[in-house]
PDB file of N, CA and C in Angstrom:
ATOM      1  N   MET A   1      49.392  43.965  36.086  1.00  0.00           N
ATOM      2  CA  MET A   1      50.347  44.702  35.296  1.00  0.00           C
ATOM      3  C   MET A   1      51.600  43.861  35.129  1.00  0.00           C
ATOM      4  N   ALA A   2      52.123  43.853  33.929  1.00  0.00           N
ATOM      5  CA  ALA A   2      53.294  43.037  33.634  1.00  0.00           C
ATOM      6  C   ALA A   2      54.560  43.755  34.064  1.00  0.00           C
ATOM      7  N   SER A   3      55.546  42.965  34.443  1.00  0.00           N
ATOM      8  CA  SER A   3      56.824  43.569  34.817  1.00  0.00           C
ATOM      9  C   SER A   3      57.577  43.975  33.558  1.00  0.00           C
ATOM     10  N   GLU A   4      58.731  44.560  33.719  1.00  0.00           N
ATOM     11  CA  GLU A   4      59.492  45.134  32.603  1.00  0.00           C
ATOM     12  C   GLU A   4      59.901  44.097  31.561  1.00  0.00           C
ATOM     13  N   GLY A   5      60.276  42.895  31.938  1.00  0.00           N
ATOM     14  CA  GLY A   5      60.796  41.911  31.002  1.00  0.00           C
ATOM     15  C   GLY A   5      59.748  40.994  30.382  1.00  0.00           C
ATOM     16  N   GLN A   6      58.505  41.054  30.856  1.00  0.00           N
ATOM     17  CA  GLN A   6      57.470  40.142  30.366  1.00  0.00           C
ATOM     18  C   GLN A   6      56.465  40.903  29.497  1.00  0.00           C
ATOM     19  N   PRO A   7      55.982  40.248  28.440  1.00  0.00           N
ATOM     20  CA  PRO A   7      54.974  40.923  27.613  1.00  0.00           C
ATOM     21  C   PRO A   7      53.644  40.983  28.356  1.00  0.00           C
ATOM     22  N   ASN A   8      52.887  42.050  28.126  1.00  0.00           N
ATOM     23  CA  ASN A   8      51.583  42.105  28.780  1.00  0.00           C
ATOM     24  C   ASN A   8      50.596  41.225  28.022  1.00  0.00           C
ATOM     25  N   ASP A   9      49.406  41.079  28.529  1.00  0.00           N
ATOM     26  CA  ASP A   9      48.441  40.125  27.995  1.00  0.00           C
ATOM     27  C   ASP A   9      48.004  40.440  26.562  1.00  0.00           C
ATOM     28  N   LEU A  10      47.934  41.700  26.189  1.00  0.00           N
ATOM     29  CA  LEU A  10      47.424  42.053  24.866  1.00  0.00           C
ATOM     30  C   LEU A  10      48.442  41.807  23.763  1.00  0.00           C
ATOM     31  N   THR A  11      49.716  41.971  24.010  1.00  0.00           N
ATOM     32  CA  THR A  11      50.708  41.765  22.958  1.00  0.00           C
ATOM     33  C   THR A  11      50.979  40.289  22.721  1.00  0.00           C
ATOM     34  N   GLY A  12      50.644  39.436  23.656  1.00  0.00           N
ATOM     35  CA  GLY A  12      50.867  38.009  23.489  1.00  0.00           C
ATOM     36  C   GLY A  12      49.796  37.330  22.627  1.00  0.00           C
ATOM     37  N   LEU A  13      48.714  38.040  22.332  1.00  0.00           N
ATOM     38  CA  LEU A  13      47.616  37.469  21.558  1.00  0.00           C
ATOM     39  C   LEU A  13      47.755  37.871  20.092  1.00  0.00           C
ATOM     40  N   ARG A  14      48.568  37.147  19.384  1.00  0.00           N
ATOM     41  CA  ARG A  14      48.739  37.392  17.957  1.00  0.00           C
ATOM     42  C   ARG A  14      48.230  36.172  17.194  1.00  0.00           C
ATOM     43  N   PRO A  15      47.551  36.405  16.063  1.00  0.00           N
ATOM     44  CA  PRO A  15      47.065  35.246  15.298  1.00  0.00           C
ATOM     45  C   PRO A  15      48.211  34.520  14.620  1.00  0.00           C
ATOM     46  N   ASP A  16      48.040  33.232  14.475  1.00  0.00           N
ATOM     47  CA  ASP A  16      49.030  32.427  13.762  1.00  0.00           C
ATOM     48  C   ASP A  16      48.720  32.551  12.270  1.00  0.00           C
ATOM     49  N   TRP A  17      49.520  33.326  11.560  1.00  0.00           N
ATOM     50  CA  TRP A  17      49.239  33.636  10.161  1.00  0.00           C
ATOM     51  C   TRP A  17      49.367  32.420   9.255  1.00  0.00           C
ATOM     52  N   SER A  18      50.121  31.412   9.671  1.00  0.00           N
ATOM     53  CA  SER A  18      50.242  30.222   8.828  1.00  0.00           C
ATOM     54  C   SER A  18      48.911  29.472   8.747  1.00  0.00           C
ATOM     55  N   ILE A  19      48.138  29.463   9.830  1.00  0.00           N
ATOM     56  CA  ILE A  19      46.831  28.815   9.812  1.00  0.00           C
ATOM     57  C   ILE A  19      45.870  29.596   8.923  1.00  0.00           C
ATOM     58  N   ILE A  20      45.892  30.911   9.034  1.00  0.00           N
ATOM     59  CA  ILE A  20      45.013  31.736   8.207  1.00  0.00           C
ATOM     60  C   ILE A  20      45.397  31.617   6.736  1.00  0.00           C
ATOM     61  N   ARG A  21      46.680  31.604   6.448  1.00  0.00           N
ATOM     62  CA  ARG A  21      47.150  31.457   5.072  1.00  0.00           C
ATOM     63  C   ARG A  21      46.772  30.083   4.517  1.00  0.00           C
ATOM     64  N   GLY A  22      46.920  29.032   5.327  1.00  0.00           N
ATOM     65  CA  GLY A  22      46.543  27.687   4.902  1.00  0.00           C
ATOM     66  C   GLY A  22      45.051  27.563   4.654  1.00  0.00           C
ATOM     67  N   LEU A  23      44.249  28.167   5.523  1.00  0.00           N
ATOM     68  CA  LEU A  23      42.804  28.135   5.348  1.00  0.00           C
ATOM     69  C   LEU A  23      42.391  28.895   4.093  1.00  0.00           C
ATOM     70  N   THR A  24      43.023  30.026   3.837  1.00  0.00           N
ATOM     71  CA  THR A  24      42.728  30.788   2.623  1.00  0.00           C
ATOM     72  C   THR A  24      43.096  29.997   1.376  1.00  0.00           C
ATOM     73  N   ASN A  25      44.274  29.369   1.371  1.00  0.00           N
ATOM     74  CA  ASN A  25      44.681  28.546   0.219  1.00  0.00           C
ATOM     75  C   ASN A  25      43.737  27.369   0.020  1.00  0.00           C
ATOM     76  N   GLY A  26      43.351  26.736   1.103  1.00  0.00           N
ATOM     77  CA  GLY A  26      42.440  25.599   1.015  1.00  0.00           C
ATOM     78  C   GLY A  26      41.065  25.996   0.501  1.00  0.00           C
ATOM     79  N   LEU A  27      40.531  27.099   0.991  1.00  0.00           N
ATOM     80  CA  LEU A  27      39.224  27.558   0.529  1.00  0.00           C
ATOM     81  C   LEU A  27      39.266  28.006  -0.926  1.00  0.00           C
ATOM     82  N   LEU A  28      40.367  28.593  -1.347  1.00  0.00           N
ATOM     83  CA  LEU A  28      40.515  28.967  -2.752  1.00  0.00           C
ATOM     84  C   LEU A  28      40.532  27.727  -3.640  1.00  0.00           C
ATOM     85  N   GLU A  29      41.239  26.700  -3.211  1.00  0.00           N
ATOM     86  CA  GLU A  29      41.283  25.443  -3.963  1.00  0.00           C
ATOM     87  C   GLU A  29      39.896  24.793  -4.010  1.00  0.00           C
ATOM     88  N   LEU A  30      39.185  24.821  -2.905  1.00  0.00           N
ATOM     89  CA  LEU A  30      37.837  24.268  -2.851  1.00  0.00           C
ATOM     90  C   LEU A  30      36.886  25.044  -3.755  1.00  0.00           C
ATOM     91  N   PHE A  31      37.031  26.358  -3.802  1.00  0.00           N
ATOM     92  CA  PHE A  31      36.212  27.197  -4.680  1.00  0.00           C
ATOM     93  C   PHE A  31      36.476  26.874  -6.147  1.00  0.00           C
ATOM     94  N   LYS A  32      37.747  26.665  -6.503  1.00  0.00           N
ATOM     95  CA  LYS A  32      38.078  26.304  -7.885  1.00  0.00           C
ATOM     96  C   LYS A  32      37.454  24.970  -8.274  1.00  0.00           C
ATOM     97  N   HIS A  33      37.461  24.009  -7.353  1.00  0.00           N
ATOM     98  CA  HIS A  33      36.851  22.711  -7.634  1.00  0.00           C
ATOM     99  C   HIS A  33      35.334  22.830  -7.753  1.00  0.00           C
ATOM    100  N   ALA A  34      34.723  23.666  -6.940  1.00  0.00           N
ATOM    101  CA  ALA A  34      33.273  23.853  -7.014  1.00  0.00           C
ATOM    102  C   ALA A  34      32.874  24.481  -8.349  1.00  0.00           C
ATOM    103  N   ILE A  35      33.645  25.452  -8.821  1.00  0.00           N
ATOM    104  CA  ILE A  35      33.360  26.069 -10.113  1.00  0.00           C
ATOM    105  C   ILE A  35      33.528  25.046 -11.237  1.00  0.00           C
ATOM    106  N   GLY A  36      34.575  24.241 -11.181  1.00  0.00           N
ATOM    107  CA  GLY A  36      34.790  23.208 -12.196  1.00  0.00           C
ATOM    108  C   GLY A  36      33.675  22.182 -12.211  1.00  0.00           C
ATOM    109  N   ALA A  37      33.265  21.724 -11.039  1.00  0.00           N
ATOM    110  CA  ALA A  37      32.197  20.725 -10.959  1.00  0.00           C
ATOM    111  C   ALA A  37      30.874  21.296 -11.456  1.00  0.00           C
ATOM    112  N   ALA A  38      30.577  22.542 -11.095  1.00  0.00           N
ATOM    113  CA  ALA A  38      29.322  23.163 -11.535  1.00  0.00           C
ATOM    114  C   ALA A  38      29.285  23.337 -13.047  1.00  0.00           C
ATOM    115  N   SER A  39      30.405  23.716 -13.634  1.00  0.00           N
ATOM    116  CA  SER A  39      30.422  23.900 -15.093  1.00  0.00           C
ATOM    117  C   SER A  39      30.298  22.560 -15.823  1.00  0.00           C
ATOM    118  N   ILE A  40      30.933  21.509 -15.324  1.00  0.00           N
ATOM    119  CA  ILE A  40      30.808  20.196 -15.961  1.00  0.00           C
ATOM    120  C   ILE A  40      29.400  19.648 -15.792  1.00  0.00           C
ATOM    121  N   LEU A  41      28.796  19.836 -14.611  1.00  0.00           N
ATOM    122  CA  LEU A  41      27.419  19.386 -14.409  1.00  0.00           C
ATOM    123  C   LEU A  41      26.445  20.138 -15.317  1.00  0.00           C
ATOM    124  N   ALA A  42      26.679  21.432 -15.510  1.00  0.00           N
ATOM    125  CA  ALA A  42      25.824  22.208 -16.414  1.00  0.00           C
ATOM    126  C   ALA A  42      25.965  21.710 -17.851  1.00  0.00           C
ATOM    127  N   PHE A  43      27.180  21.387 -18.263  1.00  0.00           N
ATOM    128  CA  PHE A  43      27.410  20.870 -19.607  1.00  0.00           C
ATOM    129  C   PHE A  43      26.714  19.523 -19.804  1.00  0.00           C
ATOM    130  N   ILE A  44      26.776  18.656 -18.799  1.00  0.00           N
ATOM    131  CA  ILE A  44      26.091  17.361 -18.881  1.00  0.00           C
ATOM    132  C   ILE A  44      24.581  17.568 -18.972  1.00  0.00           C
ATOM    133  N   LYS A  45      24.049  18.517 -18.217  1.00  0.00           N
ATOM    134  CA  LYS A  45      22.610  18.797 -18.248  1.00  0.00           C
ATOM    135  C   LYS A  45      22.192  19.329 -19.615  1.00  0.00           C
ATOM    136  N   ILE A  46      23.027  20.166 -20.237  1.00  0.00           N
ATOM    137  CA  ILE A  46      22.731  20.675 -21.578  1.00  0.00           C
ATOM    138  C   ILE A  46      22.696  19.523 -22.583  1.00  0.00           C
ATOM    139  N   ILE A  47      23.653  18.611 -22.491  1.00  0.00           N
ATOM    140  CA  ILE A  47      23.663  17.455 -23.395  1.00  0.00           C
ATOM    141  C   ILE A  47      22.417  16.598 -23.181  1.00  0.00           C
ATOM    142  N   GLU A  48      22.026  16.400 -21.928  1.00  0.00           N
ATOM    143  CA  GLU A  48      20.830  15.599 -21.632  1.00  0.00           C
ATOM    144  C   GLU A  48      19.582  16.246 -22.231  1.00  0.00           C
ATOM    145  N   LYS A  49      19.423  17.552 -22.050  1.00  0.00           N
ATOM    146  CA  LYS A  49      18.257  18.249 -22.600  1.00  0.00           C
ATOM    147  C   LYS A  49      18.279  18.260 -24.121  1.00  0.00           C
ATOM    148  N   LEU A  50      19.462  18.364 -24.716  1.00  0.00           N
ATOM    149  CA  LEU A  50      19.584  18.324 -26.172  1.00  0.00           C
ATOM    150  C   LEU A  50      19.150  16.958 -26.716  1.00  0.00           C
ATOM    151  N   MET A  51      19.551  15.898 -26.048  1.00  0.00           N
ATOM    152  CA  MET A  51      19.147  14.558 -26.482  1.00  0.00           C
ATOM    153  C   MET A  51      17.639  14.362 -26.326  1.00  0.00           C
ATOM    154  N   GLU A  52      17.062  14.879 -25.249  1.00  0.00           N
ATOM    155  CA  GLU A  52      15.618  14.790 -25.068  1.00  0.00           C
ATOM    156  C   GLU A  52      14.896  15.567 -26.159  1.00  0.00           C
ATOM    157  N   TRP A  53      15.431  16.725 -26.518  1.00  0.00           N
ATOM    158  CA  TRP A  53      14.806  17.543 -27.553  1.00  0.00           C
ATOM    159  C   TRP A  53      14.922  16.878 -28.931  1.00  0.00           C
ATOM    160  N   LEU A  54      16.064  16.280 -29.217  1.00  0.00           N
ATOM    161  CA  LEU A  54      16.257  15.631 -30.515  1.00  0.00           C
ATOM    162  C   LEU A  54      15.394  14.379 -30.664  1.00  0.00           C
ATOM    163  N   TRP A  55      15.258  13.588 -29.604  1.00  0.00           N
ATOM    164  CA  TRP A  55      14.491  12.355 -29.684  1.00  0.00           C
ATOM    165  C   TRP A  55      13.022  12.562 -29.355  1.00  0.00           C
ATOM    166  N   GLY A  56      12.696  13.691 -28.783  1.00  0.00           N
ATOM    167  CA  GLY A  56      11.304  13.997 -28.507  1.00  0.00           C
ATOM    168  C   GLY A  56      10.734  13.378 -27.249  1.00  0.00           C
ATOM    169  N   THR A  57      11.531  12.710 -26.474  1.00  0.00           N
ATOM    170  CA  THR A  57      11.042  12.109 -25.233  1.00  0.00           C
ATOM    171  C   THR A  57      12.194  12.017 -24.240  1.00  0.00           C
ATOM    172  N   GLU A  58      11.852  11.973 -22.969  1.00  0.00           N
ATOM    173  CA  GLU A  58      12.910  11.820 -21.962  1.00  0.00           C
ATOM    174  C   GLU A  58      13.036  10.376 -21.488  1.00  0.00           C
ATOM    175  N   ASN A  59      12.183   9.511 -21.964  1.00  0.00           N
ATOM    176  CA  ASN A  59      12.198   8.116 -21.533  1.00  0.00           C
ATOM    177  C   ASN A  59      12.748   7.179 -22.611  1.00  0.00           C
ATOM    178  N   LYS A  60      13.656   7.658 -23.418  1.00  0.00           N
ATOM    179  CA  LYS A  60      14.244   6.846 -24.484  1.00  0.00           C
ATOM    180  C   LYS A  60      15.102   5.749 -23.865  1.00  0.00           C
ATOM    181  N   LEU A  61      14.979   4.529 -24.404  1.00  0.00           N
ATOM    182  CA  LEU A  61      15.741   3.400 -23.880  1.00  0.00           C
ATOM    183  C   LEU A  61      17.079   3.281 -24.608  1.00  0.00           C
ATOM    184  N   PHE A  62      18.097   2.913 -23.863  1.00  0.00           N
ATOM    185  CA  PHE A  62      19.435   2.710 -24.398  1.00  0.00           C
ATOM    186  C   PHE A  62      19.604   1.233 -24.709  1.00  0.00           C
ATOM    187  N   PHE A  63      19.675   0.881 -25.986  1.00  0.00           N
ATOM    188  CA  PHE A  63      19.751  -0.512 -26.436  1.00  0.00           C
ATOM    189  C   PHE A  63      18.631  -1.362 -25.834  1.00  0.00           C
ATOM    190  N   ASP A  64      17.455  -0.767 -25.723  1.00  0.00           N
ATOM    191  CA  ASP A  64      16.256  -1.442 -25.199  1.00  0.00           C
ATOM    192  C   ASP A  64      16.472  -2.078 -23.830  1.00  0.00           C
ATOM    193  N   SER A  65      17.331  -1.490 -23.019  1.00  0.00           N
ATOM    194  CA  SER A  65      17.589  -2.090 -21.708  1.00  0.00           C
ATOM    195  C   SER A  65      17.293  -1.137 -20.553  1.00  0.00           C
ATOM    196  N   PHE A  66      17.779   0.085 -20.599  1.00  0.00           N
ATOM    197  CA  PHE A  66      17.503   1.040 -19.526  1.00  0.00           C
ATOM    198  C   PHE A  66      17.439   2.444 -20.109  1.00  0.00           C
ATOM    199  N   ARG A  67      16.855   3.342 -19.341  1.00  0.00           N
ATOM    200  CA  ARG A  67      16.615   4.697 -19.833  1.00  0.00           C
ATOM    201  C   ARG A  67      17.908   5.498 -19.891  1.00  0.00           C
ATOM    202  N   ILE A  68      17.969   6.351 -20.895  1.00  0.00           N
ATOM    203  CA  ILE A  68      19.127   7.242 -21.065  1.00  0.00           C
ATOM    204  C   ILE A  68      19.261   8.174 -19.853  1.00  0.00           C
ATOM    205  N   LYS A  69      18.134   8.518 -19.272  1.00  0.00           N
ATOM    206  CA  LYS A  69      18.119   9.403 -18.099  1.00  0.00           C
ATOM    207  C   LYS A  69      19.002   8.843 -16.978  1.00  0.00           C
ATOM    208  N   TYR A  70      19.011   7.514 -16.836  1.00  0.00           N
ATOM    209  CA  TYR A  70      19.807   6.884 -15.781  1.00  0.00           C
ATOM    210  C   TYR A  70      21.304   7.036 -16.029  1.00  0.00           C
ATOM    211  N   ILE A  71      21.702   7.063 -17.284  1.00  0.00           N
ATOM    212  CA  ILE A  71      23.130   7.264 -17.604  1.00  0.00           C
ATOM    213  C   ILE A  71      23.575   8.640 -17.119  1.00  0.00           C
ATOM    214  N   PHE A  72      22.749   9.649 -17.391  1.00  0.00           N
ATOM    215  CA  PHE A  72      23.106  10.998 -16.975  1.00  0.00           C
ATOM    216  C   PHE A  72      23.074  11.154 -15.458  1.00  0.00           C
ATOM    217  N   GLN A  73      22.135  10.511 -14.804  1.00  0.00           N
ATOM    218  CA  GLN A  73      22.090  10.581 -13.346  1.00  0.00           C
ATOM    219  C   GLN A  73      23.302   9.900 -12.719  1.00  0.00           C
ATOM    220  N   CYS A  74      23.708   8.763 -13.282  1.00  0.00           N
ATOM    221  CA  CYS A  74      24.914   8.087 -12.777  1.00  0.00           C
ATOM    222  C   CYS A  74      26.161   8.931 -13.024  1.00  0.00           C
ATOM    223  N   SER A  75      26.232   9.580 -14.174  1.00  0.00           N
ATOM    224  CA  SER A  75      27.405  10.429 -14.433  1.00  0.00           C
ATOM    225  C   SER A  75      27.459  11.596 -13.454  1.00  0.00           C
ATOM    226  N   ASP A  76      26.300  12.152 -13.099  1.00  0.00           N
ATOM    227  CA  ASP A  76      26.276  13.223 -12.095  1.00  0.00           C
ATOM    228  C   ASP A  76      26.790  12.728 -10.741  1.00  0.00           C
ATOM    229  N   ILE A  77      26.344  11.553 -10.344  1.00  0.00           N
ATOM    230  CA  ILE A  77      26.755  10.996  -9.046  1.00  0.00           C
ATOM    231  C   ILE A  77      28.258  10.717  -9.026  1.00  0.00           C
ATOM    232  N   PHE A  78      28.770  10.076 -10.079  1.00  0.00           N
ATOM    233  CA  PHE A  78      30.202   9.769 -10.127  1.00  0.00           C
ATOM    234  C   PHE A  78      31.051  11.036 -10.186  1.00  0.00           C
ATOM    235  N   LEU A  79      30.572  12.024 -10.924  1.00  0.00           N
ATOM    236  CA  LEU A  79      31.311  13.280 -11.027  1.00  0.00           C
ATOM    237  C   LEU A  79      31.370  13.993  -9.679  1.00  0.00           C
ATOM    238  N   LEU A  80      30.232  14.080  -9.004  1.00  0.00           N
ATOM    239  CA  LEU A  80      30.217  14.745  -7.701  1.00  0.00           C
ATOM    240  C   LEU A  80      31.049  13.991  -6.666  1.00  0.00           C
ATOM    241  N   THR A  81      30.970  12.668  -6.689  1.00  0.00           N
ATOM    242  CA  THR A  81      31.778  11.874  -5.756  1.00  0.00           C
ATOM    243  C   THR A  81      33.265  12.070  -6.016  1.00  0.00           C
ATOM    244  N   GLY A  82      33.651  12.034  -7.283  1.00  0.00           N
ATOM    245  CA  GLY A  82      35.057  12.254  -7.631  1.00  0.00           C
ATOM    246  C   GLY A  82      35.543  13.636  -7.245  1.00  0.00           C
ATOM    247  N   PHE A  83      34.729  14.652  -7.503  1.00  0.00           N
ATOM    248  CA  PHE A  83      35.129  16.001  -7.141  1.00  0.00           C
ATOM    249  C   PHE A  83      35.193  16.185  -5.628  1.00  0.00           C
ATOM    250  N   MET A  84      34.328  15.497  -4.883  1.00  0.00           N
ATOM    251  CA  MET A  84      34.394  15.610  -3.429  1.00  0.00           C
ATOM    252  C   MET A  84      35.676  14.982  -2.891  1.00  0.00           C
ATOM    253  N   VAL A  85      36.040  13.821  -3.391  1.00  0.00           N
ATOM    254  CA  VAL A  85      37.245  13.140  -2.916  1.00  0.00           C
ATOM    255  C   VAL A  85      38.494  13.927  -3.309  1.00  0.00           C
ATOM    256  N   ILE A  86      38.600  14.265  -4.585  1.00  0.00           N
ATOM    257  CA  ILE A  86      39.785  14.995  -5.055  1.00  0.00           C
ATOM    258  C   ILE A  86      39.819  16.398  -4.468  1.00  0.00           C
ATOM    259  N   GLY A  87      38.659  17.043  -4.343  1.00  0.00           N
ATOM    260  CA  GLY A  87      38.606  18.378  -3.749  1.00  0.00           C
ATOM    261  C   GLY A  87      39.030  18.383  -2.289  1.00  0.00           C
ATOM    262  N   SER A  88      38.622  17.356  -1.544  1.00  0.00           N
ATOM    263  CA  SER A  88      39.039  17.251  -0.140  1.00  0.00           C
ATOM    264  C   SER A  88      40.549  17.046  -0.036  1.00  0.00           C
ATOM    265  N   TYR A  89      41.081  16.209  -0.916  1.00  0.00           N
ATOM    266  CA  TYR A  89      42.533  15.976  -0.931  1.00  0.00           C
ATOM    267  C   TYR A  89      43.277  17.271  -1.262  1.00  0.00           C
ATOM    268  N   LYS A  90      42.805  17.987  -2.272  1.00  0.00           N
ATOM    269  CA  LYS A  90      43.465  19.246  -2.674  1.00  0.00           C
ATOM    270  C   LYS A  90      43.345  20.298  -1.579  1.00  0.00           C
ATOM    271  N   PHE A  91      42.193  20.328  -0.883  1.00  0.00           N
ATOM    272  CA  PHE A  91      42.018  21.271   0.218  1.00  0.00           C
ATOM    273  C   PHE A  91      43.038  21.005   1.315  1.00  0.00           C
ATOM    274  N   LEU A  92      43.168  19.738   1.710  1.00  0.00           N
ATOM    275  CA  LEU A  92      44.114  19.400   2.770  1.00  0.00           C
ATOM    276  C   LEU A  92      45.554  19.653   2.325  1.00  0.00           C
ATOM    277  N   LYS A  93      45.855  19.358   1.072  1.00  0.00           N
ATOM    278  CA  LYS A  93      47.200  19.589   0.555  1.00  0.00           C
ATOM    279  C   LYS A  93      47.520  21.085   0.550  1.00  0.00           C
ATOM    280  N   ALA A  94      46.561  21.920   0.133  1.00  0.00           N
ATOM    281  CA  ALA A  94      46.779  23.366   0.122  1.00  0.00           C
ATOM    282  C   ALA A  94      46.829  23.927   1.549  1.00  0.00           C
ATOM    283  N   PHE A  95      46.063  23.338   2.472  1.00  0.00           N
ATOM    284  CA  PHE A  95      46.049  23.825   3.852  1.00  0.00           C
ATOM    285  C   PHE A  95      47.378  23.583   4.544  1.00  0.00           C
ATOM    286  N   PHE A  96      47.973  22.406   4.315  1.00  0.00           N
ATOM    287  CA  PHE A  96      49.215  22.049   5.002  1.00  0.00           C
ATOM    288  C   PHE A  96      50.467  22.403   4.214  1.00  0.00           C
ATOM    289  N   LYS A  97      50.296  23.034   3.051  1.00  0.00           N
ATOM    290  CA  LYS A  97      51.462  23.406   2.232  1.00  0.00           C
ATOM    291  C   LYS A  97      52.242  24.515   2.935  1.00  0.00           C
ATOM    292  N   GLU A  98      53.527  24.407   2.915  1.00  0.00           N
ATOM    293  CA  GLU A  98      54.382  25.407   3.565  1.00  0.00           C
ATOM    294  C   GLU A  98      54.597  26.586   2.669  1.00  0.00           C
TER     295      GLU A  98
END
């Protein structure tokens, strides 16, 4: 039992709201980046399927050197890598924002 001037054990256990607020802001920022990346990836996939439909094949060569499919796959990789780096930075910035 606590004495008169000291808080008892239950009142001393309060959550640090700044951490919860930072985590909420960071997760919201991460969610916004995920929605943006998913919509851009879907748009790229639509363009890829449209080109396949217009040309009638998915193995069309770009200037007789490499397949068009590889261009779209590289754009997906670069887009996801960029969104991961920038999204991580934005998450940390939103988490530590006062």
